[in-house]
Protein backbone atom coordinates (compact mmCIF):
# COMPACT_ATOMS: atom_id res chain seq x y z
CA MET A 1 156.27 -9.14 91.05
CA PRO A 2 157.26 -8.89 87.42
CA LYS A 3 154.61 -8.43 84.61
CA LYS A 4 154.02 -11.76 82.78
CA GLU A 5 153.93 -10.58 79.15
CA ALA A 6 151.80 -12.91 76.59
CA GLU A 7 153.75 -14.20 73.94
CA LYS A 8 152.50 -13.50 70.36
CA LEU A 9 152.68 -15.74 67.20
CA ILE A 10 152.01 -14.89 63.69
CA VAL A 11 150.67 -17.57 61.44
CA TYR A 12 150.17 -17.56 57.91
CA THR A 13 147.68 -20.28 56.75
CA ASP A 14 146.58 -21.22 53.16
CA GLY A 15 144.44 -23.95 51.68
CA GLY A 16 144.11 -24.93 48.04
CA SER A 17 142.38 -27.20 45.93
CA ARG A 18 142.84 -28.22 42.34
CA GLY A 19 139.62 -28.54 40.97
CA ASN A 20 137.40 -27.18 43.77
CA PRO A 21 136.52 -29.84 44.90
CA GLY A 22 139.62 -31.83 43.97
CA PRO A 23 142.81 -32.67 45.75
CA ALA A 24 143.76 -30.37 48.35
CA ALA A 25 146.26 -29.37 50.72
CA LEU A 26 147.05 -26.98 53.52
CA GLY A 27 149.93 -24.55 54.42
CA VAL A 28 150.98 -23.29 57.65
CA VAL A 29 153.91 -21.11 58.65
CA ILE A 30 154.20 -19.98 62.27
CA LEU A 31 156.46 -17.26 63.09
CA ASP A 32 157.57 -15.69 66.57
CA GLU A 33 156.86 -11.90 67.18
CA LYS A 34 160.24 -11.08 65.51
CA GLY A 35 159.06 -12.93 62.14
CA ARG A 36 161.30 -15.68 62.68
CA VAL A 37 159.99 -19.01 61.56
CA VAL A 38 159.25 -21.48 64.36
CA LYS A 39 157.75 -24.13 62.26
CA GLU A 40 156.15 -24.69 58.81
CA TYR A 41 153.77 -27.44 57.75
CA GLY A 42 152.36 -28.50 54.45
CA GLU A 43 149.97 -31.58 54.29
CA LYS A 44 147.46 -33.28 51.71
CA LEU A 45 144.24 -33.31 52.76
CA GLY A 46 142.34 -35.49 50.19
CA VAL A 47 139.34 -34.19 48.14
CA LYS A 48 138.35 -30.86 49.60
CA THR A 49 136.96 -27.30 48.30
CA ASN A 50 139.43 -24.25 48.55
CA ASN A 51 137.09 -23.13 51.33
CA GLU A 52 137.35 -26.33 53.38
CA ALA A 53 141.17 -26.39 52.73
CA GLU A 54 141.47 -22.82 54.26
CA TYR A 55 139.57 -23.82 57.32
CA ALA A 56 141.50 -27.15 57.75
CA ALA A 57 144.63 -24.92 57.66
CA VAL A 58 143.47 -22.93 60.49
CA ILE A 59 142.32 -25.84 62.64
CA PHE A 60 145.67 -27.67 61.76
CA ALA A 61 147.73 -24.62 62.98
CA LEU A 62 145.66 -24.35 66.34
CA LYS A 63 146.01 -27.98 67.17
CA LYS A 64 149.83 -27.70 66.27
CA ILE A 65 150.18 -24.81 68.48
CA LYS A 66 148.59 -26.34 71.41
CA ALA A 67 150.49 -29.48 70.93
CA LEU A 68 153.89 -27.91 70.68
CA LEU A 69 153.35 -25.34 73.70
CA GLY A 70 150.88 -26.82 75.96
CA LYS A 71 147.32 -25.58 76.97
CA GLU A 72 148.83 -23.71 79.86
CA LYS A 73 151.03 -21.71 77.70
CA THR A 74 148.58 -21.07 74.96
CA LYS A 75 145.77 -19.65 77.17
CA LYS A 76 148.06 -16.43 77.58
CA MET A 77 149.02 -16.13 73.95
CA GLU A 78 148.21 -13.98 71.29
CA ILE A 79 147.98 -15.60 67.81
CA ALA A 80 147.59 -13.53 64.72
CA PHE A 81 146.36 -15.46 61.86
CA ARG A 82 147.19 -14.05 58.26
CA MET A 83 145.23 -15.58 55.33
CA ASP A 84 144.65 -14.56 51.75
CA SER A 85 141.02 -15.93 51.77
CA GLU A 86 138.94 -12.87 52.39
CA PHE A 87 135.51 -15.03 52.56
CA VAL A 88 136.80 -17.42 55.05
CA MET A 89 138.58 -14.46 57.20
CA LYS A 90 135.23 -12.79 57.26
CA GLN A 91 133.42 -16.05 58.38
CA LEU A 92 135.82 -16.58 61.28
CA ASN A 93 135.43 -12.79 62.15
CA GLY A 94 131.42 -13.12 62.12
CA GLU A 95 131.19 -10.55 59.44
CA TYR A 96 129.76 -13.21 56.83
CA LYS A 97 127.15 -15.57 57.68
CA ILE A 98 127.95 -19.36 56.90
CA GLU A 99 125.36 -20.55 54.52
CA GLU A 100 127.05 -23.94 53.43
CA GLU A 101 126.20 -26.60 55.65
CA ARG A 102 129.33 -28.48 55.07
CA MET A 103 131.18 -25.28 56.67
CA PHE A 104 129.39 -25.60 59.91
CA PRO A 105 131.39 -28.31 61.52
CA LEU A 106 134.60 -26.39 60.46
CA PHE A 107 133.57 -23.04 61.88
CA VAL A 108 132.52 -24.87 65.01
CA ALA A 109 136.03 -26.70 65.29
CA VAL A 110 137.83 -23.16 65.14
CA TRP A 111 135.40 -21.70 67.55
CA ASN A 112 135.95 -24.63 70.25
CA LEU A 113 139.74 -24.52 69.61
CA LYS A 114 139.69 -20.74 70.45
CA PHE A 115 138.82 -21.40 74.16
CA ASP A 116 142.47 -22.80 74.73
CA PHE A 117 143.97 -19.34 73.71
CA GLY A 118 144.30 -16.01 74.85
CA LYS A 119 143.51 -13.82 71.86
CA ILE A 120 143.20 -15.01 68.38
CA THR A 121 142.74 -12.38 65.32
CA PHE A 122 142.01 -13.25 61.64
CA SER A 123 143.28 -10.78 59.06
CA HIS A 124 143.27 -10.65 55.40
CA VAL A 125 146.76 -10.24 53.36
CA PRO A 126 147.19 -10.14 49.64
CA ARG A 127 148.34 -13.38 48.07
CA GLU A 128 151.91 -11.85 47.44
CA LYS A 129 152.28 -11.83 51.39
CA ASN A 130 151.30 -15.30 52.02
CA ARG A 131 153.78 -16.96 49.48
CA GLU A 132 155.39 -19.20 51.97
CA ALA A 133 151.96 -20.93 52.96
CA ASP A 134 150.94 -21.19 49.25
CA ARG A 135 154.42 -22.75 48.51
CA LEU A 136 153.58 -25.32 51.15
CA VAL A 137 150.28 -26.09 49.64
CA ASN A 138 151.82 -26.59 46.39
CA GLU A 139 154.51 -28.75 47.68
CA ALA A 140 152.28 -31.07 49.43
CA LEU A 141 150.00 -31.45 46.37
CA ASP A 142 153.02 -32.03 44.09
CA LYS A 143 154.52 -34.79 46.13
CA GLU A 144 154.47 -38.30 44.96
CA GLN A 145 152.74 -40.48 47.35
CA GLY A 146 155.39 -42.81 47.53
CA ARG A 147 157.84 -39.91 48.71
CA LEU A 148 155.65 -38.79 51.85
CA TRP A 149 157.66 -41.15 53.98
CA GLN A 150 161.18 -39.89 52.96
């Protein structure tokens, strides 16, 4: 019987807020194991803090991957998150305690989504290595409201 290998995705996420809190957006770049772009997303979030936007990007990415591939496939997958928010990465890895009450539901949302996946890791990368996700955040924030449907 052939050994079934788990598929791996590398996901770069970024969230940003202009004003903190202020107009916020997320950026997500999903790559396959070989580093080829599978999908990328940039989306406005309304008024949020930087940390809320960072969490929103992770939640968005997990939901998109599950919607694209289905729960059966994601159960066997490894997802390697790369983000430039060391603070949020350390919270997701259980290294930092969550003290802001409004962050609890976001952490719980990530925690609950993790059950639909094989292995999920969260790593910090320098901002220079997260340029594509950052670009998507800024493009989403710069988009004029009327142009969203084009």
